[in-house]
Amino acid sequence: MLDRPKPPQRDPFHEWWDTLLSDARGSMDPRVAKQAFRAGYTAGRKKHLRRFVFKAATLRVTVWANGIGEARKMAKKKVDQRASAKRWKSLPADWKLELVE
């Protein structure tokens, strides 16, 4: 039961790519098509959320949230996680979380 192989999961991009006509696939660069697909796929999945980009020191953090307050809380957590991953003790107090976009 535990040693049964799992069927390979397909990326949504590949499922979409395989449904295109061959002349449409031939006219597109797959890398560019994948970037465009991912951007649209992400925005479509999170259509009820807004995208916020924050900057703290040298870190740039992107979060998806309903409002600015929720986005700041999420960005603060992400910044702390990234700082600890880089083994920084903490961000200095004078480095504030700035809204970029």
C-alpha atoms as a PDB file:
ATOM      1  CA  MET A   1       0.000   0.000   0.000  1.00  0.00           C
ATOM      2  CA  LEU A   2       2.706   2.471   0.877  1.00  0.00           C
ATOM      3  CA  ASP A   3       5.053   1.374  -1.883  1.00  0.00           C
ATOM      4  CA  ARG A   4       2.629   2.023  -4.741  1.00  0.00           C
ATOM      5  CA  PRO A   5       4.043   4.612  -7.105  1.00  0.00           C
ATOM      6  CA  LYS A   6       2.044   7.805  -7.366  1.00  0.00           C
ATOM      7  CA  PRO A   7       0.955   8.895 -10.813  1.00  0.00           C
ATOM      8  CA  PRO A   8       2.934  11.901 -12.016  1.00  0.00           C
ATOM      9  CA  GLN A   9       1.123  15.178 -11.440  1.00  0.00           C
ATOM     10  CA  ARG A  10       0.832  17.452 -14.427  1.00  0.00           C
ATOM     11  CA  ASP A  11       1.529  21.133 -14.272  1.00  0.00           C
ATOM     12  CA  PRO A  12      -1.521  23.243 -15.265  1.00  0.00           C
ATOM     13  CA  PHE A  13       0.656  24.942 -17.883  1.00  0.00           C
ATOM     14  CA  HIS A  14       1.413  21.648 -19.606  1.00  0.00           C
ATOM     15  CA  GLU A  15      -2.255  20.710 -19.634  1.00  0.00           C
ATOM     16  CA  TRP A  16      -3.069  24.050 -21.282  1.00  0.00           C
ATOM     17  CA  TRP A  17      -0.114  23.792 -23.665  1.00  0.00           C
ATOM     18  CA  ASP A  18      -1.176  20.337 -24.830  1.00  0.00           C
ATOM     19  CA  THR A  19      -4.684  21.585 -25.683  1.00  0.00           C
ATOM     20  CA  LEU A  20      -3.365  24.262 -28.058  1.00  0.00           C
ATOM     21  CA  LEU A  21      -3.310  23.622 -31.761  1.00  0.00           C
ATOM     22  CA  SER A  22       0.084  22.730 -33.169  1.00  0.00           C
ATOM     23  CA  ASP A  23       0.306  25.924 -35.281  1.00  0.00           C
ATOM     24  CA  ALA A  24      -0.393  28.032 -32.158  1.00  0.00           C
ATOM     25  CA  ARG A  25       2.323  26.172 -30.255  1.00  0.00           C
ATOM     26  CA  GLY A  26       4.740  26.638 -33.144  1.00  0.00           C
ATOM     27  CA  SER A  27       4.244  30.405 -33.200  1.00  0.00           C
ATOM     28  CA  MET A  28       5.045  30.846 -29.469  1.00  0.00           C
ATOM     29  CA  ASP A  29       8.236  30.501 -27.502  1.00  0.00           C
ATOM     30  CA  PRO A  30       7.429  28.033 -24.690  1.00  0.00           C
ATOM     31  CA  ARG A  31       9.343  30.042 -22.078  1.00  0.00           C
ATOM     32  CA  VAL A  32       7.459  33.258 -22.841  1.00  0.00           C
ATOM     33  CA  ALA A  33       4.150  31.385 -22.972  1.00  0.00           C
ATOM     34  CA  LYS A  34       4.885  29.824 -19.582  1.00  0.00           C
ATOM     35  CA  GLN A  35       5.625  33.215 -18.006  1.00  0.00           C
ATOM     36  CA  ALA A  36       2.409  34.690 -19.388  1.00  0.00           C
ATOM     37  CA  PHE A  37       0.400  31.642 -18.306  1.00  0.00           C
ATOM     38  CA  ARG A  38       1.763  31.739 -14.760  1.00  0.00           C
ATOM     39  CA  ALA A  39       1.025  35.457 -14.386  1.00  0.00           C
ATOM     40  CA  GLY A  40      -2.553  34.983 -15.534  1.00  0.00           C
ATOM     41  CA  TYR A  41      -3.000  31.784 -13.553  1.00  0.00           C
ATOM     42  CA  THR A  42      -1.804  33.412 -10.326  1.00  0.00           C
ATOM     43  CA  ALA A  43      -3.936  36.507 -10.801  1.00  0.00           C
ATOM     44  CA  GLY A  44      -6.984  34.386 -11.645  1.00  0.00           C
ATOM     45  CA  ARG A  45      -6.584  32.139  -8.628  1.00  0.00           C
ATOM     46  CA  LYS A  46      -6.303  35.117  -6.294  1.00  0.00           C
ATOM     47  CA  LYS A  47      -8.869  37.367  -7.935  1.00  0.00           C
ATOM     48  CA  HIS A  48     -10.447  38.358  -4.604  1.00  0.00           C
ATOM     49  CA  LEU A  49      -7.051  39.471  -3.216  1.00  0.00           C
ATOM     50  CA  ARG A  50      -4.819  42.445  -3.976  1.00  0.00           C
ATOM     51  CA  ARG A  51      -1.073  42.295  -4.515  1.00  0.00           C
ATOM     52  CA  PHE A  52       1.194  44.402  -2.288  1.00  0.00           C
ATOM     53  CA  VAL A  53       4.963  44.786  -2.599  1.00  0.00           C
ATOM     54  CA  PHE A  54       6.971  45.970   0.391  1.00  0.00           C
ATOM     55  CA  LYS A  55      10.613  46.823   0.843  1.00  0.00           C
ATOM     56  CA  ALA A  56      12.523  46.457   4.095  1.00  0.00           C
ATOM     57  CA  ALA A  57      16.244  47.167   3.956  1.00  0.00           C
ATOM     58  CA  THR A  58      17.484  45.118   0.981  1.00  0.00           C
ATOM     59  CA  LEU A  59      14.562  42.689   1.058  1.00  0.00           C
ATOM     60  CA  ARG A  60      11.615  42.988  -1.317  1.00  0.00           C
ATOM     61  CA  VAL A  61       8.495  41.085  -0.273  1.00  0.00           C
ATOM     62  CA  THR A  62       5.335  40.412  -2.289  1.00  0.00           C
ATOM     63  CA  VAL A  63       2.134  39.401  -0.498  1.00  0.00           C
ATOM     64  CA  TRP A  64      -1.477  38.849  -1.566  1.00  0.00           C
ATOM     65  CA  ALA A  65      -4.053  40.189   0.904  1.00  0.00           C
ATOM     66  CA  ASN A  66      -7.468  41.829   1.212  1.00  0.00           C
ATOM     67  CA  GLY A  67      -6.206  45.110   2.653  1.00  0.00           C
ATOM     68  CA  ILE A  68      -3.121  47.076   3.576  1.00  0.00           C
ATOM     69  CA  GLY A  69      -3.248  46.189   7.287  1.00  0.00           C
ATOM     70  CA  GLU A  70      -3.374  42.470   6.642  1.00  0.00           C
ATOM     71  CA  ALA A  71      -0.666  42.851   3.981  1.00  0.00           C
ATOM     72  CA  ARG A  72       1.680  44.630   6.408  1.00  0.00           C
ATOM     73  CA  LYS A  73       1.289  41.857   8.984  1.00  0.00           C
ATOM     74  CA  MET A  74       1.983  39.182   6.383  1.00  0.00           C
ATOM     75  CA  ALA A  75       4.958  41.104   4.988  1.00  0.00           C
ATOM     76  CA  LYS A  76       6.425  41.578   8.483  1.00  0.00           C
ATOM     77  CA  LYS A  77       6.255  37.813   9.058  1.00  0.00           C
ATOM     78  CA  LYS A  78       7.876  37.123   5.675  1.00  0.00           C
ATOM     79  CA  VAL A  79      10.660  39.618   6.349  1.00  0.00           C
ATOM     80  CA  ASP A  80      11.354  38.047   9.740  1.00  0.00           C
ATOM     81  CA  GLN A  81      11.441  34.561   8.157  1.00  0.00           C
ATOM     82  CA  ARG A  82      13.839  35.669   5.435  1.00  0.00           C
ATOM     83  CA  ALA A  83      16.064  37.497   7.926  1.00  0.00           C
ATOM     84  CA  SER A  84      16.278  34.412  10.120  1.00  0.00           C
ATOM     85  CA  ALA A  85      17.008  32.243   7.070  1.00  0.00           C
ATOM     86  CA  LYS A  86      19.923  34.546   6.258  1.00  0.00           C
ATOM     87  CA  ARG A  87      20.971  34.297   9.907  1.00  0.00           C
ATOM     88  CA  TRP A  88      20.484  37.987  10.589  1.00  0.00           C
ATOM     89  CA  LYS A  89      19.652  38.633  14.222  1.00  0.00           C
ATOM     90  CA  SER A  90      16.832  40.995  13.275  1.00  0.00           C
ATOM     91  CA  LEU A  91      16.207  44.003  11.133  1.00  0.00           C
ATOM     92  CA  PRO A  92      17.305  47.252  12.764  1.00  0.00           C
ATOM     93  CA  ALA A  93      14.487  49.443  14.038  1.00  0.00           C
ATOM     94  CA  ASP A  94      15.286  52.250  11.575  1.00  0.00           C
ATOM     95  CA  TRP A  95      14.575  49.947   8.600  1.00  0.00           C
ATOM     96  CA  LYS A  96      10.868  50.340   8.061  1.00  0.00           C
ATOM     97  CA  LEU A  97       8.519  48.366   5.902  1.00  0.00           C
ATOM     98  CA  GLU A  98       7.783  50.595   2.901  1.00  0.00           C
ATOM     99  CA  LEU A  99       4.983  50.024   0.423  1.00  0.00           C
ATOM    100  CA  VAL A 100       6.494  49.923  -3.073  1.00  0.00           C
ATOM    101  CA  GLU A 101       3.510  48.853  -5.206  1.00  0.00           C
END
